[in-house]
């Protein structure tokens, strides 16, 4: 599979699975415009975009001819599934995801608006974030696989290991 043959690529997976980092690397290889959903969704003070507005924004984002969209957001995932040519699912072990999330606490992230910071490691917000990561296999993973079955004609890469990400970036898939 030549990743450069696709113009609309969505990347999904648990928080901490490496979606944003992978998306940045893929953007360099493909020269496709990159959209981080966290940048689009969060308002100052970690306020969520209201659902009707978010649905409209998702439809606008996927209306473009070329893009890489990084982010899970299961409530609007089907909008992206329908529009994507290639879906890449980073199905990374939740222990690794929690470790990565802990490592980035308190740091600026490329996929977050400048006005937001990651929660501190010792906080209720971080504990809730880790709980969400822990529960991802039961909830988020299930949603991705259900949509994959529904849109089985779409190209789909199910990636579990970092070595497989590296193979894709080197064009070895």
Protein backbone atom coordinates (compact mmCIF):
# COMPACT_ATOMS: atom_id res chain seq x y z
CA UNK A 1 0.00 0.00 0.00
CA UNK A 2 1.41 3.32 -1.02
CA UNK A 3 0.22 5.89 1.52
CA UNK A 4 0.87 8.67 -1.01
CA UNK A 5 -2.02 7.36 -3.13
CA UNK A 6 -4.55 8.66 -0.59
CA UNK A 7 -5.75 12.26 -0.30
CA UNK A 8 -8.12 11.97 2.69
CA UNK A 9 -6.60 10.13 5.63
CA UNK A 10 -8.06 9.88 9.12
CA UNK A 11 -6.06 8.73 12.11
CA UNK A 12 -7.90 7.42 15.17
CA UNK A 13 -6.95 5.76 18.43
CA UNK A 14 -6.78 6.24 22.16
CA UNK A 15 -5.27 9.36 23.71
CA UNK A 16 -1.55 8.70 24.00
CA UNK A 17 -1.50 6.25 21.08
CA UNK A 18 0.69 8.57 19.01
CA UNK A 19 -1.93 9.93 16.60
CA UNK A 20 -0.64 13.49 16.50
CA UNK A 21 3.04 12.55 16.21
CA UNK A 22 2.25 10.06 13.44
CA UNK A 23 0.04 12.62 11.68
CA UNK A 24 2.85 15.19 11.72
CA UNK A 25 5.27 12.67 10.22
CA UNK A 26 2.72 11.56 7.63
CA UNK A 27 2.08 15.19 6.71
CA UNK A 28 5.79 15.68 5.92
CA UNK A 29 5.77 12.63 3.64
CA UNK A 30 2.50 13.32 1.82
CA UNK A 31 2.36 17.15 1.94
CA UNK A 32 -1.35 16.85 2.75
CA UNK A 33 -2.88 19.55 4.97
CA UNK A 34 -3.05 18.42 8.60
CA UNK A 35 -6.01 19.01 10.90
CA UNK A 36 -5.69 18.25 14.61
CA UNK A 37 -9.23 17.83 15.95
CA UNK A 38 -8.15 18.91 19.44
CA UNK A 39 -7.25 22.31 17.95
CA UNK A 40 -10.69 22.55 16.39
CA UNK A 41 -12.77 21.26 19.32
CA UNK A 42 -11.49 22.90 22.52
CA UNK A 43 -12.33 26.44 23.49
CA UNK A 44 -10.50 28.37 26.26
CA UNK A 45 -10.75 26.76 29.70
CA UNK A 46 -11.21 23.28 28.20
CA UNK A 47 -14.76 24.17 27.16
CA UNK A 48 -16.19 21.79 24.57
CA UNK A 49 -17.63 22.98 21.27
CA UNK A 50 -21.42 22.53 21.42
CA UNK A 51 -22.52 19.38 19.58
CA UNK A 52 -24.49 21.05 16.72
CA UNK A 53 -21.57 23.39 16.04
CA UNK A 54 -19.09 20.48 16.22
CA UNK A 55 -21.08 18.42 13.71
CA UNK A 56 -21.17 21.37 11.32
CA UNK A 57 -17.44 21.96 11.75
CA UNK A 58 -16.70 18.26 11.09
CA UNK A 59 -18.72 18.34 7.87
CA UNK A 60 -16.83 21.44 6.76
CA UNK A 61 -13.45 19.89 7.62
CA UNK A 62 -14.08 16.72 5.61
CA UNK A 63 -15.45 18.63 2.61
CA UNK A 64 -11.92 19.38 1.44
CA UNK A 65 -10.29 17.30 -1.29
CA UNK A 66 -7.07 16.67 0.64
CA UNK A 67 -6.43 16.24 4.35
CA UNK A 68 -5.06 14.25 7.23
CA UNK A 69 -7.36 14.44 10.23
CA UNK A 70 -5.94 13.39 13.58
CA UNK A 71 -8.33 12.71 16.44
CA UNK A 72 -10.80 10.20 17.75
CA UNK A 73 -13.96 12.07 18.83
CA UNK A 74 -16.21 9.02 18.54
CA UNK A 75 -19.44 11.03 18.51
CA UNK A 76 -18.57 12.43 15.06
CA UNK A 77 -16.27 9.67 13.83
CA UNK A 78 -18.72 8.40 11.25
CA UNK A 79 -18.62 11.75 9.43
CA UNK A 80 -14.88 11.26 8.93
CA UNK A 81 -15.17 7.52 8.15
CA UNK A 82 -17.62 8.30 5.37
CA UNK A 83 -15.36 10.95 3.80
CA UNK A 84 -11.95 9.28 4.30
CA UNK A 85 -10.18 7.20 1.69
CA UNK A 86 -7.88 5.63 4.29
CA UNK A 87 -8.50 5.04 7.98
CA UNK A 88 -5.48 4.38 10.20
CA UNK A 89 -6.33 2.95 13.61
CA UNK A 90 -3.53 3.15 16.19
CA UNK A 91 -4.64 0.37 18.54
CA UNK A 92 -1.88 0.76 21.12
CA UNK A 93 -1.74 -0.98 24.49
CA UNK A 94 -3.40 1.19 27.14
CA UNK A 95 -0.41 0.95 29.51
CA UNK A 96 1.77 2.54 26.83
CA UNK A 97 -0.88 5.21 26.18
CA UNK A 98 -1.07 6.13 29.88
CA UNK A 99 2.72 6.23 30.10
CA UNK A 100 2.89 8.57 27.08
CA UNK A 101 0.14 10.78 28.52
CA UNK A 102 2.02 11.01 31.83
CA UNK A 103 5.24 11.90 30.01
CA UNK A 104 3.64 14.87 28.24
CA UNK A 105 1.83 16.37 31.27
CA UNK A 106 2.34 20.07 31.73
CA UNK A 107 3.97 20.45 28.29
CA UNK A 108 2.79 22.39 25.27
CA UNK A 109 1.44 20.19 22.51
CA UNK A 110 1.34 20.82 18.79
CA UNK A 111 -2.20 19.48 18.58
CA UNK A 112 -3.73 21.73 21.25
CA UNK A 113 -4.61 25.41 20.97
CA UNK A 114 -2.00 27.74 22.49
CA UNK A 115 -4.41 28.76 25.24
CA UNK A 116 -4.58 25.22 26.69
CA UNK A 117 -2.09 23.18 28.71
CA UNK A 118 -2.04 19.47 29.41
CA UNK A 119 -3.32 18.65 32.89
CA UNK A 120 -0.66 18.20 35.56
CA UNK A 121 0.22 14.59 36.44
CA UNK A 122 -0.99 14.93 40.01
CA UNK A 123 -4.52 16.20 39.45
CA UNK A 124 -8.11 15.02 39.22
CA UNK A 125 -8.13 16.01 35.54
CA UNK A 126 -5.20 13.73 34.81
CA UNK A 127 -6.77 10.89 36.79
CA UNK A 128 -9.98 11.26 34.72
CA UNK A 129 -7.91 11.36 31.54
CA UNK A 130 -6.17 8.11 32.52
CA UNK A 131 -9.53 6.51 33.28
CA UNK A 132 -10.71 7.49 29.80
CA UNK A 133 -7.57 5.92 28.28
CA UNK A 134 -8.08 2.77 30.38
CA UNK A 135 -11.68 2.43 29.18
CA UNK A 136 -10.84 3.11 25.53
CA UNK A 137 -10.60 -0.58 24.48
CA UNK A 138 -14.18 -1.18 25.67
CA UNK A 139 -15.68 2.00 24.21
CA UNK A 140 -13.56 3.77 21.60
CA UNK A 141 -11.96 0.67 20.08
CA UNK A 142 -15.36 -0.94 19.77
CA UNK A 143 -16.72 2.10 17.89
CA UNK A 144 -13.77 2.12 15.44
CA UNK A 145 -14.18 -1.57 14.66
CA UNK A 146 -17.97 -1.27 14.23
CA UNK A 147 -17.48 1.57 11.75
CA UNK A 148 -14.77 -0.42 9.99
CA UNK A 149 -17.29 -3.23 9.48
CA UNK A 150 -19.89 -0.74 8.23
CA UNK A 151 -17.42 0.89 5.81
CA UNK A 152 -15.53 -2.27 4.90
CA UNK A 153 -14.80 -0.98 1.38
CA UNK A 154 -12.51 1.71 2.85
CA UNK A 155 -8.78 1.12 3.07
CA UNK A 156 -8.04 0.41 6.74
CA UNK A 157 -4.75 -0.02 8.57
CA UNK A 158 -4.98 -1.54 12.04
CA UNK A 159 -1.68 -0.75 13.76
CA UNK A 160 -0.68 -2.09 17.17
CA UNK A 161 3.08 -1.57 17.31
CA UNK A 162 5.49 1.32 16.84
CA UNK A 163 7.54 -0.77 14.39
CA UNK A 164 4.50 -0.93 12.09
CA UNK A 165 4.16 2.88 12.17
CA UNK A 166 7.80 3.13 11.14
CA UNK A 167 7.19 0.70 8.25
CA UNK A 168 4.34 2.85 6.96
CA UNK A 169 6.47 5.99 7.15
CA UNK A 170 9.24 4.21 5.22
CA UNK A 171 6.71 3.03 2.59
CA UNK A 172 7.08 -0.65 3.45
CA UNK A 173 3.39 -1.57 3.67
